Protein backbone atom coordinates (compact mmCIF):
# COMPACT_ATOMS: atom_id res chain seq x y z
CA MET A 1 11.33 -22.99 8.88
CA ILE A 2 10.26 -19.15 9.41
CA ASN A 3 10.19 -18.89 5.44
CA GLN A 4 7.59 -21.82 5.31
CA ILE A 5 5.20 -20.47 7.97
CA LYS A 6 5.51 -16.64 6.76
CA PRO A 7 3.16 -17.07 3.88
CA TYR A 8 0.40 -18.55 5.92
CA LEU A 9 0.71 -15.78 8.55
CA ILE A 10 0.47 -13.08 5.86
CA GLN A 11 -2.41 -14.90 4.16
CA ALA A 12 -4.38 -14.98 7.96
CA LEU A 13 -3.41 -11.33 8.53
CA LEU A 14 -4.96 -10.42 5.18
CA SER A 15 -7.77 -12.81 4.96
CA GLU A 16 -11.33 -11.61 4.84
CA PHE A 17 -12.03 -12.90 8.39
CA ILE A 18 -9.64 -10.98 10.17
CA ILE A 19 -10.47 -7.76 8.34
CA ASP A 20 -14.02 -8.26 9.00
CA LYS A 21 -13.29 -8.39 12.70
CA LYS A 22 -11.29 -5.33 12.88
CA ARG A 23 -14.08 -3.51 11.23
CA LYS A 24 -16.61 -5.00 13.43
CA TYR A 25 -14.44 -4.35 16.39
CA ALA A 26 -13.64 -0.64 15.33
CA ASP A 27 -17.44 0.26 14.75
CA LYS A 28 -18.39 -1.54 18.29
CA LYS A 29 -16.11 0.54 20.00
CA ARG A 30 -17.53 4.05 18.00
CA ILE A 31 -20.92 2.86 19.02
CA LYS A 32 -19.88 2.21 22.72
CA ASN A 33 -18.20 5.68 22.74
CA ASN A 34 -21.24 7.18 21.23
CA LEU A 35 -18.79 8.90 18.59
CA THR A 36 -19.77 9.87 14.91
CA HIS A 37 -18.17 8.18 11.80
CA GLN A 38 -15.08 10.49 12.04
CA VAL A 39 -12.49 10.44 9.08
CA THR A 40 -8.90 11.98 9.72
CA VAL A 41 -7.81 13.74 6.52
CA TYR A 42 -4.02 14.41 5.84
CA LEU A 43 -3.97 17.20 3.17
CA ALA A 44 -0.62 19.04 1.64
CA ILE A 45 -1.24 22.34 -0.23
CA ASP A 46 1.50 21.26 -3.06
CA ASP A 47 0.17 17.56 -3.76
CA PRO A 48 -2.38 17.24 -6.64
CA TYR A 49 -4.02 14.27 -4.91
CA SER A 50 -4.92 16.73 -1.99
CA TYR A 51 -6.63 19.26 -3.92
CA LEU A 52 -8.70 16.57 -5.82
CA LEU A 53 -9.80 14.81 -2.60
CA LEU A 54 -10.56 18.12 -1.16
CA GLN A 55 -13.04 18.71 -3.73
CA THR A 56 -15.12 15.51 -3.21
CA LEU A 57 -15.18 15.56 0.82
CA ALA A 58 -18.12 17.79 1.24
CA GLU A 59 -20.36 15.30 -1.13
CA LEU A 60 -19.03 12.06 1.02
CA LYS A 61 -19.56 14.15 3.92
CA ASP A 62 -23.40 14.70 3.36
CA ARG A 63 -23.82 11.24 2.16
CA TYR A 64 -22.73 9.65 5.16
CA SER A 65 -22.80 11.92 8.02
CA LEU A 66 -19.24 11.93 8.51
CA GLU A 67 -17.12 14.20 10.51
CA TYR A 68 -13.59 15.16 9.42
CA ASP A 69 -10.51 15.40 11.41
CA PHE A 70 -8.18 17.67 9.22
CA ARG A 71 -4.60 17.69 9.56
CA THR A 72 -2.46 19.61 7.08
CA VAL A 73 1.34 18.18 6.40
CA LEU A 74 3.81 19.65 3.97
CA ASN A 75 7.14 17.80 4.17
CA LYS A 76 7.86 14.72 2.57
CA PRO A 77 10.00 11.99 4.17
CA THR A 78 13.13 11.28 1.88
CA GLU A 79 12.92 7.60 2.63
CA MET A 80 9.81 7.24 1.41
CA TYR A 81 10.08 9.73 -1.82
CA PRO A 82 13.38 8.33 -3.46
CA ALA A 83 12.80 10.51 -6.35
CA PRO A 84 10.89 13.62 -5.41
CA GLU A 85 10.90 15.51 -8.63
CA MET A 86 9.78 13.05 -10.85
CA TRP A 87 7.13 12.15 -8.12
CA THR A 88 6.00 15.62 -8.65
CA ASP A 89 5.80 15.50 -12.21
CA ASN A 90 4.01 12.19 -12.17
CA ALA A 91 1.51 13.62 -9.64
CA PHE A 92 0.95 16.19 -11.88
CA GLN A 93 0.06 14.42 -14.67
CA ASP A 94 -2.13 12.13 -12.86
CA GLY A 95 -4.19 15.01 -11.49
CA VAL A 96 -4.78 16.17 -15.06
CA PHE A 97 -6.08 12.72 -15.94
CA LEU A 98 -8.02 12.16 -12.92
CA ALA A 99 -9.84 15.58 -12.73
CA GLU A 100 -10.89 14.74 -16.47
CA LEU A 101 -12.13 11.57 -15.29
CA TYR A 102 -14.36 12.82 -12.35
CA GLN A 103 -15.03 16.18 -13.75
CA LEU A 104 -12.88 18.19 -11.12
CA ALA A 105 -11.03 21.24 -11.25
CA PHE A 106 -7.58 21.13 -12.08
CA PRO A 107 -5.07 23.51 -13.99
CA ALA A 108 -3.64 22.58 -17.38
CA GLN A 109 0.08 23.65 -16.20
CA PRO A 110 1.65 23.36 -12.64
CA PRO A 111 1.57 26.49 -10.55
CA LYS A 112 4.36 28.73 -10.08
CA ILE A 113 4.23 29.14 -6.48
CA SER A 114 7.46 30.14 -4.16
CA GLN A 115 8.29 28.23 -1.30
CA GLN A 116 7.75 30.88 1.07
CA GLN A 117 3.85 31.30 -0.41
CA LYS A 118 3.75 27.56 0.19
CA LEU A 119 4.64 28.03 3.79
CA ILE A 120 2.59 30.65 4.51
CA ALA A 121 -0.45 29.06 2.87
CA THR A 122 0.36 25.89 4.96
CA ALA A 123 0.10 28.05 8.05
CA GLN A 124 -3.17 29.51 7.59
CA LEU A 125 -4.28 25.83 6.82
CA LEU A 126 -3.08 24.97 10.14
CA HIS A 127 -4.88 27.80 11.70
CA TYR A 128 -7.96 26.93 10.32
CA GLU A 129 -7.85 23.16 11.52
CA LEU A 130 -8.82 24.78 14.96
CA GLN A 131 -11.88 26.41 13.95
CA PRO A 132 -14.96 25.89 12.33
CA ARG A 133 -15.81 25.09 8.41
CA TYR A 134 -11.88 23.96 7.53
CA LEU A 135 -13.27 22.34 4.47
CA ALA A 136 -14.63 25.42 2.91
CA LYS A 137 -11.94 27.65 3.68
CA ALA A 138 -9.40 25.03 2.89
CA LEU A 139 -10.92 24.83 -0.70
CA GLU A 140 -10.57 28.43 -1.20
CA ILE A 141 -6.73 28.31 -0.65
CA PHE A 142 -6.23 25.29 -2.48
CA SER A 143 -8.09 26.50 -5.38
CA SER A 144 -6.23 29.74 -5.69
CA TYR A 145 -2.89 27.97 -5.25
CA TRP A 146 -3.33 25.64 -7.89
CA GLN A 147 -5.14 28.11 -10.39
CA GLU A 148 -2.01 30.55 -9.56
CA ASP A 149 -4.49 33.41 -8.49
CA ASN A 150 -1.76 34.82 -6.32
CA ASP A 151 -4.14 38.04 -5.39
CA THR A 152 -6.75 36.03 -4.12
CA LEU A 153 -4.38 33.57 -2.43
CA ALA A 154 -2.80 36.67 -0.76
CA SER A 155 -6.05 37.89 0.43
CA LEU A 156 -6.99 34.89 1.99
CA ILE A 157 -3.79 34.91 4.26
CA ASP A 158 -4.22 36.49 7.79
CA PRO A 159 -1.24 38.98 7.86
CA VAL A 160 -0.74 38.24 11.34
CA ILE A 161 -0.19 34.56 10.24
CA GLN A 162 2.05 35.78 6.98
CA SER A 163 4.34 37.41 9.55
CA HIS A 164 4.28 34.74 12.15
CA SER A 165 4.27 31.45 9.96
CA GLU A 166 7.13 29.94 11.89
CA CYS A 167 4.85 29.76 15.05
CA TYR A 168 3.11 27.00 13.48
CA GLN A 169 6.14 24.88 12.67
CA GLN A 170 5.26 22.74 15.98
CA HIS A 171 1.60 21.87 14.88
CA LEU A 172 2.83 20.87 11.53
CA LEU A 173 5.38 18.81 12.97
CA SER A 174 2.98 17.32 15.37
CA ASN A 175 0.34 16.46 12.38
CA GLU A 176 3.27 14.60 10.41
CA ALA A 177 4.50 12.87 13.53
CA MET A 178 0.59 11.70 13.96
CA LEU A 179 0.75 10.27 10.13
CA LYS A 180 3.71 8.40 10.90
CA GLN A 181 2.53 6.80 14.13
CA HIS A 182 -0.60 5.68 12.67
CA GLY A 183 1.39 3.82 10.09
CA HIS A 184 1.45 5.93 6.95
CA TYR A 185 4.08 8.68 5.36
CA GLN A 186 1.81 10.54 2.29
CA SER A 187 -0.79 13.17 2.07
CA ALA A 188 -4.16 13.06 0.39
CA MET A 189 -4.74 10.16 3.25
CA LEU A 190 -8.13 9.25 4.63
CA HIS A 191 -7.63 7.41 7.70
CA TYR A 192 -11.07 5.54 9.15
CA GLY A 193 -11.58 2.80 11.55
CA GLY A 194 -8.13 1.48 11.16
CA GLU A 195 -7.73 1.43 7.52
CA TRP A 196 -6.09 3.71 4.97
CA TYR A 197 -7.71 5.33 1.94
CA TRP A 198 -5.37 6.83 -0.48
CA GLY A 199 -6.99 9.95 -2.49
CA ILE A 200 -9.51 9.37 -5.17
CA ASP A 201 -8.19 6.20 -6.15
CA ARG A 202 -8.95 4.42 -3.06
CA LEU A 203 -12.19 6.53 -2.18
CA GLN A 204 -14.41 3.42 -3.86
CA TYR A 205 -13.38 1.18 -0.77
CA LEU A 206 -14.32 3.73 1.91
CA GLU A 207 -17.97 4.06 -0.06
CA LYS A 208 -18.23 0.43 -0.01
CA ARG A 209 -17.46 0.10 3.66
CA LEU A 210 -19.43 3.27 4.77
CA ASN A 211 -22.30 1.68 2.50
CA ASP A 212 -22.22 -1.56 4.72
CA LEU A 213 -22.67 0.37 7.86
CA HIS A 214 -25.84 2.42 6.44
CA PRO A 215 -28.24 -0.03 5.28
CA SER A 216 -30.49 2.70 4.26
CA ALA A 217 -27.75 4.54 2.23
CA ASP A 218 -27.74 4.67 -1.70
CA LYS A 219 -25.20 2.11 -2.60
CA LYS A 220 -23.77 3.81 -5.18
CA ILE A 221 -20.06 4.17 -5.88
CA LEU A 222 -18.99 7.35 -7.59
CA PHE A 223 -15.53 6.89 -7.67
CA ASN A 224 -14.71 3.55 -9.18
CA GLN A 225 -12.30 3.45 -12.44
CA THR A 226 -12.21 -0.27 -12.45
CA HIS A 227 -15.69 -0.86 -14.23
CA ASN A 228 -14.06 1.38 -17.17
CA ILE A 229 -10.75 -1.25 -17.74
CA LEU A 230 -11.07 -4.53 -19.28
CA GLN A 231 -11.30 -7.38 -16.90
CA SER A 232 -11.24 -10.58 -18.27
CA ASP A 233 -9.12 -12.58 -20.59
CA ASN A 234 -9.53 -12.31 -24.30
CA THR A 235 -9.39 -14.81 -27.18
CA LEU A 236 -8.48 -12.76 -29.78
CA PRO A 237 -5.87 -13.64 -32.55
CA VAL A 238 -2.05 -13.22 -31.51
CA ALA A 239 -0.37 -9.53 -31.58
CA ASN A 240 0.70 -8.33 -34.70
CA ASP A 241 4.36 -7.24 -34.08
CA GLU A 242 4.14 -4.33 -36.88
CA LYS A 243 2.03 -2.52 -34.09
CA SER A 244 3.40 -0.59 -31.42
CA PRO A 245 3.91 -2.18 -28.32
CA LEU A 246 2.77 -1.77 -24.66
CA VAL A 247 5.79 -1.83 -22.56
CA ILE A 248 5.74 -2.43 -18.82
CA TYR A 249 8.56 -1.91 -16.66
CA TRP A 250 8.36 -4.37 -14.00
CA SER A 251 9.77 -6.22 -10.63
CA ILE A 252 9.10 -9.66 -9.50
CA ARG A 253 9.28 -7.96 -5.92
CA SER A 254 6.42 -5.46 -6.68
CA PRO A 255 2.89 -6.97 -5.84
CA TYR A 256 1.49 -3.98 -7.86
CA SER A 257 3.91 -5.40 -11.03
CA TYR A 258 2.03 -8.70 -10.36
CA LEU A 259 -1.67 -7.24 -10.62
CA GLY A 260 -0.21 -4.91 -13.37
CA LEU A 261 1.15 -7.84 -15.75
CA LEU A 262 -2.09 -9.80 -15.78
CA ARG A 263 -3.78 -6.33 -16.40
CA ALA A 264 -1.41 -5.42 -19.12
CA LYS A 265 -1.88 -9.02 -20.56
CA ARG A 266 -5.56 -8.42 -21.02
CA LEU A 267 -5.22 -5.13 -22.73
CA ALA A 268 -2.87 -6.11 -25.19
CA ALA A 269 -4.44 -9.31 -25.92
CA HIS A 270 -7.57 -7.25 -26.78
CA PHE A 271 -6.01 -4.78 -28.98
CA GLN A 272 -3.59 -7.30 -30.29
CA VAL A 273 -0.38 -5.19 -29.53
CA PRO A 274 2.89 -6.77 -28.23
CA LEU A 275 3.39 -6.91 -24.82
CA VAL A 276 7.20 -6.28 -23.99
CA ILE A 277 8.19 -6.55 -20.36
CA LYS A 278 11.34 -5.00 -19.16
CA PRO A 279 12.34 -5.91 -15.87
CA ILE A 280 14.33 -4.21 -13.30
CA LEU A 281 15.95 -4.69 -10.02
CA PRO A 282 13.66 -4.15 -6.80
CA MET A 283 14.35 -0.77 -4.74
CA VAL A 284 16.03 -2.61 -1.86
CA MET A 285 18.37 -4.73 -4.26
CA ARG A 286 19.41 -1.37 -5.90
CA ARG A 287 20.48 -0.19 -2.17
CA MET A 288 17.44 2.01 -1.58
CA LEU A 289 15.56 2.47 1.76
CA VAL A 290 11.81 0.75 1.60
CA PRO A 291 10.91 1.33 5.31
CA LYS A 292 8.41 -1.28 7.06
CA THR A 293 5.50 1.17 7.26
CA LYS A 294 5.45 1.38 3.53
CA ARG A 295 5.84 -2.32 2.94
CA MET A 296 2.65 -3.07 5.18
CA TYR A 297 0.56 -0.31 3.39
CA ILE A 298 1.23 -2.04 -0.17
CA LEU A 299 0.54 -5.40 1.12
CA GLN A 300 -2.87 -4.54 2.64
CA ASP A 301 -3.51 -1.87 -0.43
CA VAL A 302 -2.85 -4.71 -3.11
CA ASN A 303 -4.89 -7.10 -1.04
CA ARG A 304 -8.19 -5.12 -1.76
CA GLU A 305 -7.30 -4.15 -4.98
CA ALA A 306 -6.68 -7.62 -5.83
CA ALA A 307 -9.91 -8.65 -4.33
CA ALA A 308 -11.61 -6.11 -6.14
CA LEU A 309 -10.28 -7.21 -9.64
CA ASP A 310 -10.84 -10.90 -8.80
CA ILE A 311 -7.00 -11.74 -8.89
CA PRO A 312 -5.78 -14.50 -6.05
CA PHE A 313 -3.37 -12.95 -3.69
CA GLY A 314 -2.00 -12.96 -0.10
CA LYS A 315 -0.20 -16.04 0.45
CA VAL A 316 3.05 -14.23 0.04
CA ALA A 317 6.56 -15.64 -0.11
CA ASP A 318 8.75 -12.56 -0.72
CA PRO A 319 11.30 -13.26 -3.33
CA LEU A 320 13.75 -10.63 -2.21
CA GLY A 321 17.52 -11.85 -2.96
CA LYS A 322 17.53 -15.33 -4.42
CA GLY A 323 14.31 -15.54 -5.68
CA VAL A 324 14.51 -12.22 -7.75
CA GLU A 325 18.03 -13.17 -9.04
CA ARG A 326 16.85 -16.74 -10.07
CA CYS A 327 13.75 -15.05 -11.81
CA TYR A 328 15.77 -12.75 -14.04
CA ALA A 329 18.52 -15.43 -14.63
CA LEU A 330 15.92 -17.30 -16.53
CA PHE A 331 13.89 -14.88 -18.22
CA GLU A 332 15.78 -14.82 -21.37
CA TYR A 333 15.71 -18.58 -21.73
CA ALA A 334 11.90 -18.30 -21.06
CA ASN A 335 11.88 -15.45 -23.80
CA ALA A 336 13.63 -17.43 -26.17
CA LYS A 337 11.00 -20.45 -25.91
CA GLN A 338 8.10 -17.87 -26.50
CA LEU A 339 7.16 -18.10 -22.95
CA GLY A 340 8.59 -15.01 -21.24
CA VAL A 341 5.49 -13.29 -20.35
CA GLU A 342 3.77 -16.53 -19.08
CA PHE A 343 6.85 -17.56 -17.01
CA LEU A 344 6.80 -14.00 -15.22
CA LEU A 345 3.23 -14.17 -14.51
CA THR A 346 3.18 -17.64 -13.15
CA TYR A 347 6.40 -16.87 -11.20
CA ALA A 348 4.42 -13.62 -10.04
CA GLN A 349 1.18 -15.67 -9.23
CA ALA A 350 3.68 -18.44 -7.21
CA VAL A 351 5.20 -15.87 -4.49
CA TRP A 352 2.20 -13.52 -4.36
CA SER A 353 -0.54 -15.81 -4.21
CA LYS A 354 0.49 -19.35 -3.62
CA GLY A 355 3.31 -19.11 -0.87
CA ILE A 356 5.90 -20.75 -3.26
CA CYS A 357 9.40 -20.22 -1.95
CA SER A 358 11.43 -19.58 -5.33
CA GLU A 359 14.81 -19.53 -3.81
CA THR A 360 14.36 -23.43 -3.35
CA ASP A 361 14.99 -25.42 -6.37
CA ALA A 362 11.79 -27.31 -5.16
CA GLY A 363 9.77 -24.41 -5.78
CA LEU A 364 11.76 -22.96 -8.50
CA LYS A 365 11.27 -26.36 -10.62
CA HIS A 366 7.42 -25.83 -9.82
CA ILE A 367 7.23 -22.56 -11.10
CA VAL A 368 9.49 -23.40 -14.10
CA GLU A 369 7.06 -26.47 -15.30
CA MET A 370 3.89 -24.54 -14.52
CA SER A 371 5.18 -21.96 -17.23
CA GLY A 372 5.48 -24.81 -19.71
CA LEU A 373 9.50 -24.83 -19.56
CA ASN A 374 11.80 -27.64 -19.10
CA TRP A 375 13.47 -27.73 -15.38
CA PHE A 376 16.36 -29.90 -16.98
CA GLU A 377 17.14 -27.10 -19.34
CA ALA A 378 16.28 -24.17 -17.07
CA LYS A 379 18.62 -24.88 -14.33
CA GLN A 380 21.69 -24.72 -16.46
CA TYR A 381 20.96 -20.68 -16.91
CA LEU A 382 20.83 -20.12 -13.12
CA ASP A 383 24.54 -18.92 -13.01
CA ASP A 384 23.97 -16.89 -15.99
CA ASN A 385 24.74 -13.12 -14.56
CA SER A 386 24.27 -11.43 -17.97
CA TRP A 387 20.59 -10.58 -16.50
CA LYS A 388 22.40 -7.76 -14.32
CA THR A 389 23.53 -5.84 -17.37
CA TRP A 390 19.99 -5.34 -18.87
CA ALA A 391 18.26 -4.99 -15.62
CA GLN A 392 20.24 -1.77 -15.20
CA ASN A 393 19.59 -0.87 -18.83
CA ASN A 394 15.87 -1.28 -18.43
CA LEU A 395 16.35 0.99 -15.36
CA PHE A 396 18.18 3.48 -17.66
CA ALA A 397 15.21 3.25 -19.91
CA LEU A 398 12.44 3.97 -17.07
CA TYR A 399 14.29 7.00 -16.23
CA GLN A 400 14.34 8.17 -19.74
CA HIS A 401 10.64 8.25 -19.43
CA ASN A 402 10.79 10.48 -16.31
CA LYS A 403 9.41 7.56 -14.34
CA TRP A 404 11.41 6.04 -11.35
CA GLY A 405 8.91 3.09 -9.99
CA VAL A 406 7.40 -0.05 -11.25
CA PRO A 407 5.04 -0.77 -12.74
CA SER A 408 5.35 1.60 -15.18
CA PHE A 409 3.66 1.24 -18.52
CA SER A 410 4.35 2.83 -21.99
CA TYR A 411 2.61 2.98 -25.17
CA GLU A 412 3.76 5.34 -27.76
CA ASN A 413 4.08 8.59 -26.58
CA THR A 414 1.90 7.95 -22.87
CA THR A 415 3.99 6.41 -20.26
CA VAL A 416 2.16 6.20 -16.93
CA PHE A 417 3.30 5.24 -13.32
CA GLY A 418 1.23 2.63 -11.15
CA GLN A 419 -1.37 -0.18 -12.12
CA ASP A 420 -3.80 2.50 -11.34
CA ARG A 421 -3.37 4.39 -14.41
CA LEU A 422 -4.02 1.37 -17.04
CA LEU A 423 -7.39 3.21 -18.10
CA GLN A 424 -5.00 5.85 -19.42
CA ILE A 425 -3.02 3.65 -21.21
CA GLN A 426 -6.26 1.67 -22.41
CA HIS A 427 -7.37 5.28 -23.76
CA ALA A 428 -3.91 5.46 -25.59
CA ILE A 429 -4.19 2.17 -27.37
CA ALA A 430 -7.74 2.84 -28.30
CA SER A 431 -7.14 6.03 -29.63
CA SER A 432 -4.14 5.33 -31.66
CA HIS A 433 -6.13 2.42 -33.02
CA GLN A 434 -8.96 4.84 -34.13
CA LYS A 435 -6.52 6.92 -36.05
CA SER A 436 -5.10 4.00 -38.24
């Protein structure tokens, strides 16, 4: 009974009506208390996304008359970062791409800064939080850190703070506790009116929201990648199997994978390249932790991403467990019928936008038949466990690309994590085609 009601509850919580009500309540409360548009900003000195975000905040402040409450953080919760070294490498790769896209400062190589220097720089930032002009002062420290200008960095640190950095540990822990208490877990986050906006990738949603609150504001959106990405299906000929494939490492339990598969399919169709899907088990089924805080933020974030991309989302029937197993058990059968992509996409649409319970025979039968497959044939494969071998092999292949999460996309020498980086894959395919 609960499983039948849950999709409708999630759909209601993610609905435009509820979101609009919450936003109006937050703004009404702000006006009643005679408050400015205050944004809480969480930054970490060693986070590439924080450095890039920091460079945009002065312009955003001037455009919307914002007030910032800066909160310096540093420690990464282990349950939120299952592969911290891979995360660090990937974040730097993202930083290089985003800096070029938006013409921001960023180094060509990661800085070699000691842990002690990092702690001291963090202490200085914590000290600045309680003084005026944090933004300008922090940008100096971040810039010298990321450009590996050790002399300048040393000159920006007060000697008293350098020798007493431990005095700022409680301040740091307080900021990190506040981040967790308000419902998040990572840096480069903006918190405004009850909603979270991550780095440059989500600034467009804050810009749109503030535009609605400022009738006289210039309605421009400065930080929007989506207009550069192919958004519609194409009717080009079937892909040439001799061309390099676009490979997606994918999970039916990942709502980002749902968005990513649909968008990758469009890219592959446009450039006439094969699309190869390599499903892997979701983290929970690999006995890893995915805290509730992370799950809730992901649903809210995917909801607005889906809306911006005009992709149906929100009536969710989580396929964790049996739903995942049944999906993967039928994948090879669907592939043999040349309907592997269609089957996974139909399955993803069913569990992430239609609330279909795939762990039931009635729900799975609907998915199978909507994919163009035969239910009588398909159900004979439900007890086939051979997928457990190839799912783990796909995970090993993902690790070989120095990536850990889904969706990840690979084309020739370019591999990226997250559907946010499909523009980078698009550039890689276009560049390859120009050379050939």
